[in-house]
Amino acid sequence: MRDGLIEAIAAIRDNPDARCLLLQAEGRNFSAGADLTEFGSAASIFEGRRIRWDRDPWLPLLGLSVPTIAAIKGHTIGSGLEMAMLCDLRIAATDAVLGLPEAKLGMLPAAGGTQSLTRLVGSGSASPIILTGRNLDASEALELGIITEVTEPGELDRTAERRAEELVGLDPDVAMKLRRCLAASKDLPLHFGLELERRLATHRKGDGPI
């Protein structure tokens, strides 16, 4: 699955006509997390993780210029949740179960879990979720802001596809600039964020690098 994700993300990145990436899953679950058998003959799980990062789909996903959507259903655990949290819109079925269980397995959620969850919900809410490794249902995840919308399981794909159609209708340059402003708002002081917003708002395609 990892190699397929990497190829899909690269295809979107390299296609100037791409307008949106929608992540959907076959079967009952969005993703039950990393397959620990992937670590194979590595000396330890930790060494296996270092090897796995050479095939990292998370940072390439974060670096896309197009809007991204995750259609979340069933178990969305560990690295599966970490990937979903990098998406702009996170639409979940009412039966979704979300969690970062790594602490209970003697590991860290090191595909961005500590950073993404804290940015979404704040440290006060993120800390107990990460430290205890407990699962959340869709209603609690929506209330916290981990997901952006909840729908019935039978409506999930249609709802996600409708949202994708809305995003496809955006001017691609505007979509890219909006994503850049939103990403910067997580890290920049307000003064610098406002300056970036104004600079992007007045930048035209032919003006050269921003």
Protein backbone atom coordinates (compact mmCIF):
# COMPACT_ATOMS: atom_id res chain seq x y z
CA MET A 1 0.00 0.00 0.00
CA ARG A 2 2.81 2.40 0.86
CA ASP A 3 4.37 2.16 -2.60
CA GLY A 4 0.99 2.76 -4.22
CA LEU A 5 0.48 5.89 -2.12
CA ILE A 6 3.91 7.19 -2.99
CA GLU A 7 3.23 6.65 -6.69
CA ALA A 8 -0.21 8.30 -6.50
CA ILE A 9 1.11 11.34 -4.64
CA ALA A 10 3.97 11.69 -7.13
CA ALA A 11 1.52 11.46 -10.02
CA ILE A 12 -0.58 14.27 -8.55
CA ARG A 13 2.54 16.35 -7.86
CA ASP A 14 3.82 15.97 -11.42
CA ASN A 15 0.49 16.54 -13.16
CA PRO A 16 -0.13 20.25 -13.83
CA ASP A 17 -3.80 19.48 -14.49
CA ALA A 18 -4.37 17.86 -11.08
CA ARG A 19 -6.77 19.82 -8.89
CA CYS A 20 -7.40 17.66 -5.81
CA LEU A 21 -6.30 14.44 -4.09
CA LEU A 22 -9.00 12.27 -2.50
CA LEU A 23 -7.82 9.39 -0.33
CA GLN A 24 -10.36 6.57 -0.15
CA ALA A 25 -9.98 3.00 1.04
CA GLU A 26 -11.35 -0.28 -0.17
CA GLY A 27 -12.77 -2.61 2.45
CA ARG A 28 -14.02 -1.75 5.92
CA ASN A 29 -11.11 0.33 7.24
CA PHE A 30 -9.34 3.45 6.09
CA SER A 31 -6.09 2.13 7.55
CA ALA A 32 -5.33 0.03 10.61
CA GLY A 33 -1.81 1.49 10.76
CA ALA A 34 1.61 0.19 9.87
CA ASP A 35 2.08 -3.49 9.17
CA LEU A 36 4.78 -4.42 11.67
CA THR A 37 5.84 -7.31 9.42
CA GLU A 38 7.12 -4.60 7.06
CA PHE A 39 10.07 -4.23 9.38
CA GLY A 40 11.17 -7.69 8.29
CA SER A 41 14.68 -8.61 9.30
CA ALA A 42 15.59 -5.22 10.76
CA ALA A 43 17.47 -5.43 14.05
CA SER A 44 14.55 -3.75 15.84
CA ILE A 45 11.25 -2.02 15.20
CA PHE A 46 13.09 1.28 15.62
CA GLU A 47 15.64 0.40 12.95
CA GLY A 48 12.80 -0.80 10.76
CA ARG A 49 11.11 2.55 11.11
CA ARG A 50 14.26 4.34 9.98
CA ILE A 51 14.34 2.12 6.91
CA ARG A 52 10.64 2.72 6.28
CA TRP A 53 11.12 6.50 6.31
CA ASP A 54 13.12 6.12 3.10
CA ARG A 55 9.70 5.35 1.57
CA ASP A 56 7.83 8.14 3.30
CA PRO A 57 4.48 9.24 1.80
CA TRP A 58 3.67 11.72 4.58
CA LEU A 59 5.95 14.63 3.74
CA PRO A 60 5.22 14.37 -0.02
CA LEU A 61 1.50 14.48 0.83
CA LEU A 62 2.02 17.57 2.96
CA GLY A 63 4.00 19.21 0.16
CA LEU A 64 1.31 18.94 -2.51
CA SER A 65 -0.01 22.20 -3.94
CA VAL A 66 -3.54 20.84 -4.45
CA PRO A 67 -6.22 20.44 -1.74
CA THR A 68 -6.40 17.02 -0.10
CA ILE A 69 -9.29 15.03 1.36
CA ALA A 70 -9.36 11.87 3.49
CA ALA A 71 -12.51 9.72 3.51
CA ILE A 72 -12.23 8.01 6.89
CA LYS A 73 -14.09 4.83 7.81
CA GLY A 74 -13.74 1.89 10.14
CA HIS A 75 -10.41 1.69 11.94
CA THR A 76 -8.14 4.65 11.22
CA ILE A 77 -5.24 3.93 13.48
CA GLY A 78 -1.59 4.91 13.87
CA SER A 79 0.07 5.94 10.64
CA GLY A 80 -3.32 5.82 8.90
CA LEU A 81 -4.62 8.56 11.18
CA GLU A 82 -1.34 10.43 10.84
CA MET A 83 -1.82 10.51 7.07
CA ALA A 84 -5.45 11.59 7.37
CA MET A 85 -4.52 14.44 9.71
CA LEU A 86 -2.28 15.91 7.01
CA CYS A 87 -5.28 16.32 4.69
CA ASP A 88 -7.19 19.58 4.42
CA LEU A 89 -10.61 17.97 4.79
CA ARG A 90 -11.11 14.88 6.93
CA ILE A 91 -14.55 13.39 6.40
CA ALA A 92 -15.46 10.42 8.57
CA ALA A 93 -18.23 7.84 8.66
CA THR A 94 -20.10 7.54 11.94
CA ASP A 95 -18.55 4.10 12.47
CA ALA A 96 -14.97 5.38 12.31
CA VAL A 97 -12.58 4.58 15.15
CA LEU A 98 -9.50 6.79 15.39
CA GLY A 99 -6.42 6.46 17.54
CA LEU A 100 -2.67 6.61 17.99
CA PRO A 101 -1.86 3.42 19.95
CA GLU A 102 1.93 3.60 19.56
CA ALA A 103 2.63 4.50 23.21
CA LYS A 104 0.99 1.25 24.32
CA LEU A 105 3.23 -0.62 21.87
CA GLY A 106 6.42 0.96 23.19
CA MET A 107 6.83 3.34 20.24
CA LEU A 108 6.22 6.94 19.25
CA PRO A 109 3.65 8.01 16.64
CA ALA A 110 6.52 9.19 14.49
CA ALA A 111 4.80 9.81 11.17
CA GLY A 112 3.76 13.23 12.43
CA GLY A 113 1.26 12.18 15.09
CA THR A 114 2.63 14.27 17.95
CA GLN A 115 2.87 17.34 15.73
CA SER A 116 -0.27 17.06 13.60
CA LEU A 117 -2.65 16.19 16.43
CA THR A 118 -1.33 18.96 18.65
CA ARG A 119 -1.73 21.49 15.85
CA LEU A 120 -5.30 20.36 15.23
CA VAL A 121 -6.61 20.17 18.80
CA GLY A 122 -4.03 21.85 21.06
CA SER A 123 -1.69 20.23 23.56
CA GLY A 124 -4.33 19.98 26.28
CA SER A 125 -6.43 17.59 24.21
CA ALA A 126 -3.61 15.93 22.27
CA SER A 127 -1.52 14.90 25.27
CA PRO A 128 -3.97 12.44 26.88
CA ILE A 129 -4.86 10.91 23.50
CA ILE A 130 -1.21 10.30 22.61
CA LEU A 131 0.00 9.28 26.07
CA THR A 132 -2.82 6.80 26.73
CA GLY A 133 -3.18 5.55 23.16
CA ARG A 134 -6.95 5.43 23.56
CA ASN A 135 -9.34 5.31 20.63
CA LEU A 136 -11.94 7.93 19.76
CA ASP A 137 -15.25 7.58 17.98
CA ALA A 138 -16.28 9.89 15.16
CA SER A 139 -18.43 12.19 17.29
CA GLU A 140 -15.63 12.90 19.77
CA ALA A 141 -13.11 13.35 16.94
CA LEU A 142 -15.46 15.87 15.30
CA GLU A 143 -15.95 17.76 18.54
CA LEU A 144 -12.19 17.99 19.05
CA GLY A 145 -11.52 19.06 15.45
CA ILE A 146 -9.58 15.97 14.36
CA ILE A 147 -12.13 15.46 11.61
CA THR A 148 -14.08 18.15 9.79
CA GLU A 149 -17.31 16.37 8.89
CA VAL A 150 -19.27 13.22 9.79
CA THR A 151 -21.64 11.29 7.56
CA GLU A 152 -23.40 7.96 7.50
CA PRO A 153 -21.22 5.06 6.30
CA GLY A 154 -23.27 4.57 3.13
CA GLU A 155 -22.86 8.25 2.25
CA LEU A 156 -19.14 8.61 2.94
CA ASP A 157 -17.78 8.17 -0.59
CA ARG A 158 -20.49 10.34 -2.15
CA THR A 159 -19.95 13.07 0.42
CA ALA A 160 -16.18 13.02 -0.07
CA GLU A 161 -16.57 13.09 -3.85
CA ARG A 162 -18.93 16.06 -3.64
CA ARG A 163 -16.38 17.94 -1.55
CA ALA A 164 -13.69 17.03 -4.08
CA GLU A 165 -15.85 18.42 -6.89
CA GLU A 166 -16.17 21.69 -4.96
CA LEU A 167 -12.40 21.93 -4.54
CA VAL A 168 -11.73 21.01 -8.17
CA GLY A 169 -13.75 24.10 -9.08
CA LEU A 170 -11.24 26.41 -7.37
CA ASP A 171 -8.69 28.29 -9.40
CA PRO A 172 -5.52 26.20 -8.92
CA ASP A 173 -3.37 29.23 -8.13
CA VAL A 174 -5.86 30.37 -5.50
CA ALA A 175 -6.06 26.86 -4.02
CA MET A 176 -2.28 26.68 -3.74
CA LYS A 177 -2.05 30.08 -2.07
CA LEU A 178 -4.87 29.29 0.36
CA ARG A 179 -3.16 26.07 1.39
CA ARG A 180 0.11 27.92 1.88
CA CYS A 181 -1.55 30.55 4.09
CA LEU A 182 -3.39 27.95 6.14
CA ALA A 183 -0.23 25.90 6.65
CA ALA A 184 1.75 28.99 7.66
CA SER A 185 -0.92 29.99 10.20
CA LYS A 186 0.11 26.99 12.33
CA ASP A 187 3.65 28.25 12.75
CA LEU A 188 4.02 31.94 11.94
CA PRO A 189 3.35 34.78 14.37
CA LEU A 190 0.22 36.67 13.37
CA HIS A 191 2.14 39.68 12.01
CA PHE A 192 4.16 37.52 9.60
CA GLY A 193 1.12 35.47 8.66
CA LEU A 194 -0.78 38.60 7.69
CA GLU A 195 2.17 39.78 5.63
CA LEU A 196 2.32 36.45 3.80
CA GLU A 197 -1.43 36.59 3.15
CA ARG A 198 -1.19 40.08 1.67
CA ARG A 199 1.83 39.17 -0.44
CA LEU A 200 0.10 36.10 -1.87
CA ALA A 201 -3.14 37.99 -2.46
CA THR A 202 -1.37 40.53 -4.70
CA HIS A 203 0.96 38.07 -6.45
CA ARG A 204 0.13 37.24 -10.06
CA LYS A 205 1.16 34.09 -11.88
CA GLY A 206 3.58 35.97 -14.13
CA ASP A 207 5.29 37.85 -11.30
CA GLY A 208 7.93 35.20 -10.66
CA PRO A 209 8.71 33.40 -7.39
CA ILE A 210 6.73 34.43 -4.33
